[in-house]
Amino acid sequence: LISWLALHRSHVTLGRTQVQKILFICYGLY
C-alpha cells in the first residue's frame, strides 16, 4: 500500500529502506 500510494499519488518509486521506515512509523502510530 505504501509503495502504491507513493507511486500513484506522488510519482515516487520507493526503495526498500524508505518503505520500511514509513511502515515502521505507520505501525508505531497505529
PDB file of all heavy atoms in Angstrom:
ATOM      1  N   LEU A   1       0.829  -1.206   0.000  1.00  0.00           N
ATOM      2  CA  LEU A   1       0.000   0.000   0.000  1.00  0.00           C
ATOM      3  C   LEU A   1       0.866   1.260   0.000  1.00  0.00           C
ATOM      4  O   LEU A   1       0.635   2.184  -0.782  1.00  0.00           O
ATOM      5  CB  LEU A   1      -0.935   0.018   1.213  1.00  0.00           C
ATOM      6  CG  LEU A   1      -1.734   1.309   1.427  1.00  0.00           C
ATOM      7  CD1 LEU A   1      -2.717   1.553   0.279  1.00  0.00           C
ATOM      8  CD2 LEU A   1      -2.453   1.265   2.774  1.00  0.00           C
ATOM      9  N   ILE A   2       1.870   1.304   0.854  1.00  0.00           N
ATOM     10  CA  ILE A   2       2.751   2.472   0.942  1.00  0.00           C
ATOM     11  C   ILE A   2       3.448   2.703  -0.391  1.00  0.00           C
ATOM     12  O   ILE A   2       3.498   3.829  -0.897  1.00  0.00           O
ATOM     13  CB  ILE A   2       3.763   2.288   2.096  1.00  0.00           C
ATOM     14  CG1 ILE A   2       3.018   2.384   3.435  1.00  0.00           C
ATOM     15  CG2 ILE A   2       4.910   3.295   2.004  1.00  0.00           C
ATOM     16  CD1 ILE A   2       3.816   1.881   4.631  1.00  0.00           C
ATOM     17  N   SER A   3       3.964   1.643  -0.968  1.00  0.00           N
ATOM     18  CA  SER A   3       4.637   1.744  -2.259  1.00  0.00           C
ATOM     19  C   SER A   3       3.668   2.228  -3.340  1.00  0.00           C
ATOM     20  O   SER A   3       4.002   3.098  -4.146  1.00  0.00           O
ATOM     21  CB  SER A   3       5.219   0.376  -2.624  1.00  0.00           C
ATOM     22  OG  SER A   3       5.848   0.422  -3.857  1.00  0.00           O
ATOM     23  N   TRP A   4       2.475   1.686  -3.358  1.00  0.00           N
ATOM     24  CA  TRP A   4       1.450   2.063  -4.337  1.00  0.00           C
ATOM     25  C   TRP A   4       1.056   3.525  -4.170  1.00  0.00           C
ATOM     26  O   TRP A   4       0.954   4.266  -5.155  1.00  0.00           O
ATOM     27  CB  TRP A   4       0.236   1.145  -4.174  1.00  0.00           C
ATOM     28  CG  TRP A   4      -0.819   1.351  -5.201  1.00  0.00           C
ATOM     29  CD1 TRP A   4      -0.901   0.764  -6.432  1.00  0.00           C
ATOM     30  CD2 TRP A   4      -1.967   2.206  -5.097  1.00  0.00           C
ATOM     31  NE1 TRP A   4      -2.025   1.211  -7.099  1.00  0.00           N
ATOM     32  CE2 TRP A   4      -2.697   2.092  -6.300  1.00  0.00           C
ATOM     33  CE3 TRP A   4      -2.447   3.055  -4.103  1.00  0.00           C
ATOM     34  CZ2 TRP A   4      -3.874   2.796  -6.526  1.00  0.00           C
ATOM     35  CZ3 TRP A   4      -3.621   3.759  -4.331  1.00  0.00           C
ATOM     36  CH2 TRP A   4      -4.318   3.622  -5.531  1.00  0.00           C
ATOM     37  N   LEU A   5       0.832   3.954  -2.927  1.00  0.00           N
ATOM     38  CA  LEU A   5       0.462   5.348  -2.677  1.00  0.00           C
ATOM     39  C   LEU A   5       1.548   6.306  -3.163  1.00  0.00           C
ATOM     40  O   LEU A   5       1.247   7.320  -3.792  1.00  0.00           O
ATOM     41  CB  LEU A   5       0.203   5.575  -1.182  1.00  0.00           C
ATOM     42  CG  LEU A   5      -1.086   4.991  -0.609  1.00  0.00           C
ATOM     43  CD1 LEU A   5      -1.050   5.027   0.914  1.00  0.00           C
ATOM     44  CD2 LEU A   5      -2.314   5.721  -1.143  1.00  0.00           C
ATOM     45  N   ALA A   6       2.793   5.991  -2.848  1.00  0.00           N
ATOM     46  CA  ALA A   6       3.901   6.872  -3.265  1.00  0.00           C
ATOM     47  C   ALA A   6       3.958   6.985  -4.782  1.00  0.00           C
ATOM     48  O   ALA A   6       4.142   8.074  -5.326  1.00  0.00           O
ATOM     49  CB  ALA A   6       5.223   6.348  -2.710  1.00  0.00           C
ATOM     50  N   LEU A   7       3.784   5.867  -5.455  1.00  0.00           N
ATOM     51  CA  LEU A   7       3.857   5.875  -6.913  1.00  0.00           C
ATOM     52  C   LEU A   7       2.676   6.616  -7.535  1.00  0.00           C
ATOM     53  O   LEU A   7       2.849   7.469  -8.396  1.00  0.00           O
ATOM     54  CB  LEU A   7       3.931   4.449  -7.456  1.00  0.00           C
ATOM     55  CG  LEU A   7       4.028   4.344  -8.975  1.00  0.00           C
ATOM     56  CD1 LEU A   7       5.349   4.927  -9.470  1.00  0.00           C
ATOM     57  CD2 LEU A   7       3.900   2.894  -9.413  1.00  0.00           C
ATOM     58  N   HIS A   8       1.483   6.307  -7.091  1.00  0.00           N
ATOM     59  CA  HIS A   8       0.286   6.830  -7.743  1.00  0.00           C
ATOM     60  C   HIS A   8      -0.127   8.226  -7.275  1.00  0.00           C
ATOM     61  O   HIS A   8      -0.838   8.921  -8.004  1.00  0.00           O
ATOM     62  CB  HIS A   8      -0.872   5.844  -7.596  1.00  0.00           C
ATOM     63  CG  HIS A   8      -0.623   4.587  -8.362  1.00  0.00           C
ATOM     64  ND1 HIS A   8      -0.827   4.494  -9.719  1.00  0.00           N
ATOM     65  CD2 HIS A   8      -0.134   3.381  -7.972  1.00  0.00           C
ATOM     66  CE1 HIS A   8      -0.486   3.280 -10.129  1.00  0.00           C
ATOM     67  NE2 HIS A   8      -0.066   2.593  -9.088  1.00  0.00           N
ATOM     68  N   ARG A   9       0.307   8.643  -6.112  1.00  0.00           N
ATOM     69  CA  ARG A   9      -0.051   9.982  -5.629  1.00  0.00           C
ATOM     70  C   ARG A   9       1.089  10.984  -5.798  1.00  0.00           C
ATOM     71  O   ARG A   9       0.855  12.143  -6.068  1.00  0.00           O
ATOM     72  CB  ARG A   9      -0.489   9.922  -4.164  1.00  0.00           C
ATOM     73  CG  ARG A   9      -1.837   9.200  -3.992  1.00  0.00           C
ATOM     74  CD  ARG A   9      -2.202   9.054  -2.528  1.00  0.00           C
ATOM     75  NE  ARG A   9      -2.279  10.307  -1.831  1.00  0.00           N
ATOM     76  CZ  ARG A   9      -3.369  11.097  -1.752  1.00  0.00           C
ATOM     77  NH1 ARG A   9      -4.490  10.724  -2.357  1.00  0.00           N
ATOM     78  NH2 ARG A   9      -3.344  12.226  -1.061  1.00  0.00           N
ATOM     79  N   SER A  10       2.338  10.503  -5.602  1.00  0.00           N
ATOM     80  CA  SER A  10       3.482  11.418  -5.649  1.00  0.00           C
ATOM     81  C   SER A  10       4.441  11.134  -6.798  1.00  0.00           C
ATOM     82  O   SER A  10       5.431  11.829  -6.949  1.00  0.00           O
ATOM     83  CB  SER A  10       4.245  11.346  -4.328  1.00  0.00           C
ATOM     84  OG  SER A  10       3.397  11.651  -3.250  1.00  0.00           O
ATOM     85  N   HIS A  11       4.179  10.078  -7.536  1.00  0.00           N
ATOM     86  CA  HIS A  11       5.032   9.681  -8.672  1.00  0.00           C
ATOM     87  C   HIS A  11       6.462   9.391  -8.225  1.00  0.00           C
ATOM     88  O   HIS A  11       7.419   9.787  -8.884  1.00  0.00           O
ATOM     89  CB  HIS A  11       4.991  10.728  -9.784  1.00  0.00           C
ATOM     90  CG  HIS A  11       3.585  11.086 -10.177  1.00  0.00           C
ATOM     91  ND1 HIS A  11       2.775  10.212 -10.867  1.00  0.00           N
ATOM     92  CD2 HIS A  11       2.847  12.193  -9.934  1.00  0.00           C
ATOM     93  CE1 HIS A  11       1.594  10.776 -11.046  1.00  0.00           C
ATOM     94  NE2 HIS A  11       1.613  11.964 -10.486  1.00  0.00           N
ATOM     95  N   VAL A  12       6.570   8.721  -7.077  1.00  0.00           N
ATOM     96  CA  VAL A  12       7.857   8.364  -6.498  1.00  0.00           C
ATOM     97  C   VAL A  12       7.906   6.847  -6.340  1.00  0.00           C
ATOM     98  O   VAL A  12       6.969   6.241  -5.823  1.00  0.00           O
ATOM     99  CB  VAL A  12       8.041   9.030  -5.110  1.00  0.00           C
ATOM    100  CG1 VAL A  12       9.302   8.544  -4.433  1.00  0.00           C
ATOM    101  CG2 VAL A  12       8.036  10.539  -5.231  1.00  0.00           C
ATOM    102  N   THR A  13       8.998   6.241  -6.792  1.00  0.00           N
ATOM    103  CA  THR A  13       9.226   4.822  -6.542  1.00  0.00           C
ATOM    104  C   THR A  13      10.122   4.712  -5.323  1.00  0.00           C
ATOM    105  O   THR A  13      11.254   5.205  -5.326  1.00  0.00           O
ATOM    106  CB  THR A  13       9.907   4.145  -7.756  1.00  0.00           C
ATOM    107  OG1 THR A  13       9.048   4.302  -8.891  1.00  0.00           O
ATOM    108  CG2 THR A  13      10.138   2.670  -7.506  1.00  0.00           C
ATOM    109  N   LEU A  14       9.601   4.107  -4.273  1.00  0.00           N
ATOM    110  CA  LEU A  14      10.341   3.996  -3.024  1.00  0.00           C
ATOM    111  C   LEU A  14      11.262   2.784  -3.025  1.00  0.00           C
ATOM    112  O   LEU A  14      10.916   1.733  -3.558  1.00  0.00           O
ATOM    113  CB  LEU A  14       9.368   3.863  -1.846  1.00  0.00           C
ATOM    114  CG  LEU A  14       8.417   5.025  -1.607  1.00  0.00           C
ATOM    115  CD1 LEU A  14       7.441   4.670  -0.489  1.00  0.00           C
ATOM    116  CD2 LEU A  14       9.175   6.292  -1.284  1.00  0.00           C
ATOM    117  N   GLY A  15      12.393   2.941  -2.380  1.00  0.00           N
ATOM    118  CA  GLY A  15      13.294   1.819  -2.154  1.00  0.00           C
ATOM    119  C   GLY A  15      12.887   1.076  -0.894  1.00  0.00           C
ATOM    120  O   GLY A  15      12.034   1.528  -0.124  1.00  0.00           O
ATOM    121  N   ARG A  16      13.514  -0.057  -0.678  1.00  0.00           N
ATOM    122  CA  ARG A  16      13.185  -0.883   0.488  1.00  0.00           C
ATOM    123  C   ARG A  16      13.313  -0.123   1.804  1.00  0.00           C
ATOM    124  O   ARG A  16      12.464  -0.237   2.679  1.00  0.00           O
ATOM    125  CB  ARG A  16      14.117  -2.092   0.556  1.00  0.00           C
ATOM    126  CG  ARG A  16      13.768  -3.196  -0.349  1.00  0.00           C
ATOM    127  CD  ARG A  16      14.754  -4.319  -0.141  1.00  0.00           C
ATOM    128  NE  ARG A  16      14.299  -5.496  -0.831  1.00  0.00           N
ATOM    129  CZ  ARG A  16      15.053  -6.553  -1.044  1.00  0.00           C
ATOM    130  NH1 ARG A  16      16.301  -6.560  -0.624  1.00  0.00           N
ATOM    131  NH2 ARG A  16      14.572  -7.589  -1.668  1.00  0.00           N
ATOM    132  N   THR A  17      14.408   0.606   1.966  1.00  0.00           N
ATOM    133  CA  THR A  17      14.629   1.312   3.232  1.00  0.00           C
ATOM    134  C   THR A  17      13.542   2.341   3.473  1.00  0.00           C
ATOM    135  O   THR A  17      13.022   2.460   4.587  1.00  0.00           O
ATOM    136  CB  THR A  17      16.020   1.963   3.249  1.00  0.00           C
ATOM    137  OG1 THR A  17      17.002   0.933   3.088  1.00  0.00           O
ATOM    138  CG2 THR A  17      16.283   2.713   4.537  1.00  0.00           C
ATOM    139  N   GLN A  18      13.170   3.078   2.450  1.00  0.00           N
ATOM    140  CA  GLN A  18      12.106   4.069   2.598  1.00  0.00           C
ATOM    141  C   GLN A  18      10.792   3.410   2.992  1.00  0.00           C
ATOM    142  O   GLN A  18      10.103   3.875   3.904  1.00  0.00           O
ATOM    143  CB  GLN A  18      11.927   4.856   1.301  1.00  0.00           C
ATOM    144  CG  GLN A  18      13.104   5.753   0.964  1.00  0.00           C
ATOM    145  CD  GLN A  18      13.042   6.203  -0.478  1.00  0.00           C
ATOM    146  OE1 GLN A  18      13.132   5.375  -1.388  1.00  0.00           O
ATOM    147  NE2 GLN A  18      12.877   7.500  -0.687  1.00  0.00           N
ATOM    148  N   VAL A  19      10.443   2.340   2.322  1.00  0.00           N
ATOM    149  CA  VAL A  19       9.200   1.633   2.642  1.00  0.00           C
ATOM    150  C   VAL A  19       9.235   1.142   4.085  1.00  0.00           C
ATOM    151  O   VAL A  19       8.259   1.296   4.831  1.00  0.00           O
ATOM    152  CB  VAL A  19       8.951   0.457   1.666  1.00  0.00           C
ATOM    153  CG1 VAL A  19       7.795  -0.411   2.149  1.00  0.00           C
ATOM    154  CG2 VAL A  19       8.674   0.973   0.269  1.00  0.00           C
ATOM    155  N   GLN A  20      10.357   0.586   4.503  1.00  0.00           N
ATOM    156  CA  GLN A  20      10.451   0.044   5.854  1.00  0.00           C
ATOM    157  C   GLN A  20      10.303   1.118   6.927  1.00  0.00           C
ATOM    158  O   GLN A  20       9.632   0.907   7.936  1.00  0.00           O
ATOM    159  CB  GLN A  20      11.775  -0.709   6.036  1.00  0.00           C
ATOM    160  CG  GLN A  20      11.834  -2.013   5.279  1.00  0.00           C
ATOM    161  CD  GLN A  20      10.787  -2.992   5.757  1.00  0.00           C
ATOM    162  OE1 GLN A  20      10.679  -3.296   6.944  1.00  0.00           O
ATOM    163  NE2 GLN A  20       9.983  -3.501   4.826  1.00  0.00           N
ATOM    164  N   LYS A  21      10.888   2.277   6.707  1.00  0.00           N
ATOM    165  CA  LYS A  21      10.797   3.326   7.719  1.00  0.00           C
ATOM    166  C   LYS A  21       9.389   3.930   7.750  1.00  0.00           C
ATOM    167  O   LYS A  21       8.853   4.202   8.831  1.00  0.00           O
ATOM    168  CB  LYS A  21      11.829   4.432   7.483  1.00  0.00           C
ATOM    169  CG  LYS A  21      13.276   3.982   7.494  1.00  0.00           C
ATOM    170  CD  LYS A  21      13.626   3.063   8.646  1.00  0.00           C
ATOM    171  CE  LYS A  21      14.909   2.314   8.386  1.00  0.00           C
ATOM    172  NZ  LYS A  21      14.744   0.997   7.783  1.00  0.00           N
ATOM    173  N   ILE A  22       8.778   4.125   6.602  1.00  0.00           N
ATOM    174  CA  ILE A  22       7.403   4.640   6.575  1.00  0.00           C
ATOM    175  C   ILE A  22       6.459   3.608   7.202  1.00  0.00           C
ATOM    176  O   ILE A  22       5.577   3.952   7.990  1.00  0.00           O
ATOM    177  CB  ILE A  22       6.968   5.020   5.144  1.00  0.00           C
ATOM    178  CG1 ILE A  22       7.825   6.189   4.630  1.00  0.00           C
ATOM    179  CG2 ILE A  22       5.479   5.381   5.101  1.00  0.00           C
ATOM    180  CD1 ILE A  22       7.665   6.498   3.152  1.00  0.00           C
ATOM    181  N   LEU A  23       6.684   2.345   6.901  1.00  0.00           N
ATOM    182  CA  LEU A  23       5.881   1.270   7.503  1.00  0.00           C
ATOM    183  C   LEU A  23       6.043   1.261   9.018  1.00  0.00           C
ATOM    184  O   LEU A  23       5.072   1.123   9.757  1.00  0.00           O
ATOM    185  CB  LEU A  23       6.291  -0.080   6.902  1.00  0.00           C
ATOM    186  CG  LEU A  23       5.562  -1.319   7.389  1.00  0.00           C
ATOM    187  CD1 LEU A  23       4.070  -1.231   7.091  1.00  0.00           C
ATOM    188  CD2 LEU A  23       6.168  -2.570   6.735  1.00  0.00           C
ATOM    189  N   PHE A  24       7.267   1.463   9.486  1.00  0.00           N
ATOM    190  CA  PHE A  24       7.513   1.494  10.931  1.00  0.00           C
ATOM    191  C   PHE A  24       6.786   2.665  11.589  1.00  0.00           C
ATOM    192  O   PHE A  24       6.198   2.512  12.661  1.00  0.00           O
ATOM    193  CB  PHE A  24       9.021   1.568  11.218  1.00  0.00           C
ATOM    194  CG  PHE A  24       9.338   1.657  12.677  1.00  0.00           C
ATOM    195  CD1 PHE A  24       9.093   0.576  13.513  1.00  0.00           C
ATOM    196  CD2 PHE A  24       9.856   2.812  13.217  1.00  0.00           C
ATOM    197  CE1 PHE A  24       9.372   0.659  14.881  1.00  0.00           C
ATOM    198  CE2 PHE A  24      10.133   2.905  14.572  1.00  0.00           C
ATOM    199  CZ  PHE A  24       9.889   1.824  15.405  1.00  0.00           C
ATOM    200  N   ILE A  25       6.803   3.819  10.967  1.00  0.00           N
ATOM    201  CA  ILE A  25       6.103   4.980  11.523  1.00  0.00           C
ATOM    202  C   ILE A  25       4.597   4.705  11.577  1.00  0.00           C
ATOM    203  O   ILE A  25       3.943   4.984  12.586  1.00  0.00           O
ATOM    204  CB  ILE A  25       6.428   6.247  10.718  1.00  0.00           C
ATOM    205  CG1 ILE A  25       7.906   6.623  10.901  1.00  0.00           C
ATOM    206  CG2 ILE A  25       5.522   7.409  11.130  1.00  0.00           C
ATOM    207  CD1 ILE A  25       8.415   7.673   9.931  1.00  0.00           C
ATOM    208  N   CYS A  26       4.039   4.154  10.512  1.00  0.00           N
ATOM    209  CA  CYS A  26       2.609   3.815  10.494  1.00  0.00           C
ATOM    210  C   CYS A  26       2.286   2.799  11.591  1.00  0.00           C
ATOM    211  O   CYS A  26       1.283   2.940  12.313  1.00  0.00           O
ATOM    212  CB  CYS A  26       2.215   3.261   9.127  1.00  0.00           C
ATOM    213  SG  CYS A  26       2.336   4.452   7.787  1.00  0.00           S
ATOM    214  N   TYR A  27       3.132   1.804  11.723  1.00  0.00           N
ATOM    215  CA  TYR A  27       2.969   0.747  12.730  1.00  0.00           C
ATOM    216  C   TYR A  27       3.004   1.352  14.140  1.00  0.00           C
ATOM    217  O   TYR A  27       2.156   1.055  14.974  1.00  0.00           O
ATOM    218  CB  TYR A  27       4.104  -0.258  12.525  1.00  0.00           C
ATOM    219  CG  TYR A  27       4.166  -1.442  13.438  1.00  0.00           C
ATOM    220  CD1 TYR A  27       3.501  -2.616  13.125  1.00  0.00           C
ATOM    221  CD2 TYR A  27       4.964  -1.424  14.580  1.00  0.00           C
ATOM    222  CE1 TYR A  27       3.619  -3.745  13.941  1.00  0.00           C
ATOM    223  CE2 TYR A  27       5.082  -2.535  15.396  1.00  0.00           C
ATOM    224  CZ  TYR A  27       4.404  -3.696  15.076  1.00  0.00           C
ATOM    225  OH  TYR A  27       4.516  -4.802  15.874  1.00  0.00           O
ATOM    226  N   GLY A  28       3.987   2.200  14.381  1.00  0.00           N
ATOM    227  CA  GLY A  28       4.139   2.801  15.699  1.00  0.00           C
ATOM    228  C   GLY A  28       2.999   3.729  16.063  1.00  0.00           C
ATOM    229  O   GLY A  28       2.490   3.700  17.193  1.00  0.00           O
ATOM    230  N   LEU A  29       2.588   4.568  15.125  1.00  0.00           N
ATOM    231  CA  LEU A  29       1.479   5.484  15.393  1.00  0.00           C
ATOM    232  C   LEU A  29       0.171   4.737  15.613  1.00  0.00           C
ATOM    233  O   LEU A  29      -0.623   5.084  16.482  1.00  0.00           O
ATOM    234  CB  LEU A  29       1.339   6.491  14.254  1.00  0.00           C
ATOM    235  CG  LEU A  29       2.419   7.563  14.208  1.00  0.00           C
ATOM    236  CD1 LEU A  29       2.289   8.388  12.933  1.00  0.00           C
ATOM    237  CD2 LEU A  29       2.349   8.462  15.436  1.00  0.00           C
ATOM    238  N   TYR A  30      -0.044   3.693  14.834  1.00  0.00           N
ATOM    239  CA  TYR A  30      -1.250   2.887  14.993  1.00  0.00           C
ATOM    240  C   TYR A  30      -1.271   2.243  16.380  1.00  0.00           C
ATOM    241  O   TYR A  30      -2.287   2.261  17.077  1.00  0.00           O
ATOM    242  CB  TYR A  30      -1.330   1.816  13.904  1.00  0.00           C
ATOM    243  CG  TYR A  30      -2.592   1.008  13.950  1.00  0.00           C
ATOM    244  CD1 TYR A  30      -3.732   1.433  13.284  1.00  0.00           C
ATOM    245  CD2 TYR A  30      -2.661  -0.174  14.675  1.00  0.00           C
ATOM    246  CE1 TYR A  30      -4.910   0.704  13.331  1.00  0.00           C
ATOM    247  CE2 TYR A  30      -3.823  -0.918  14.736  1.00  0.00           C
ATOM    248  CZ  TYR A  30      -4.952  -0.478  14.065  1.00  0.00           C
ATOM    249  OH  TYR A  30      -6.118  -1.207  14.124  1.00  0.00           O
TER     250      TYR A  30
END
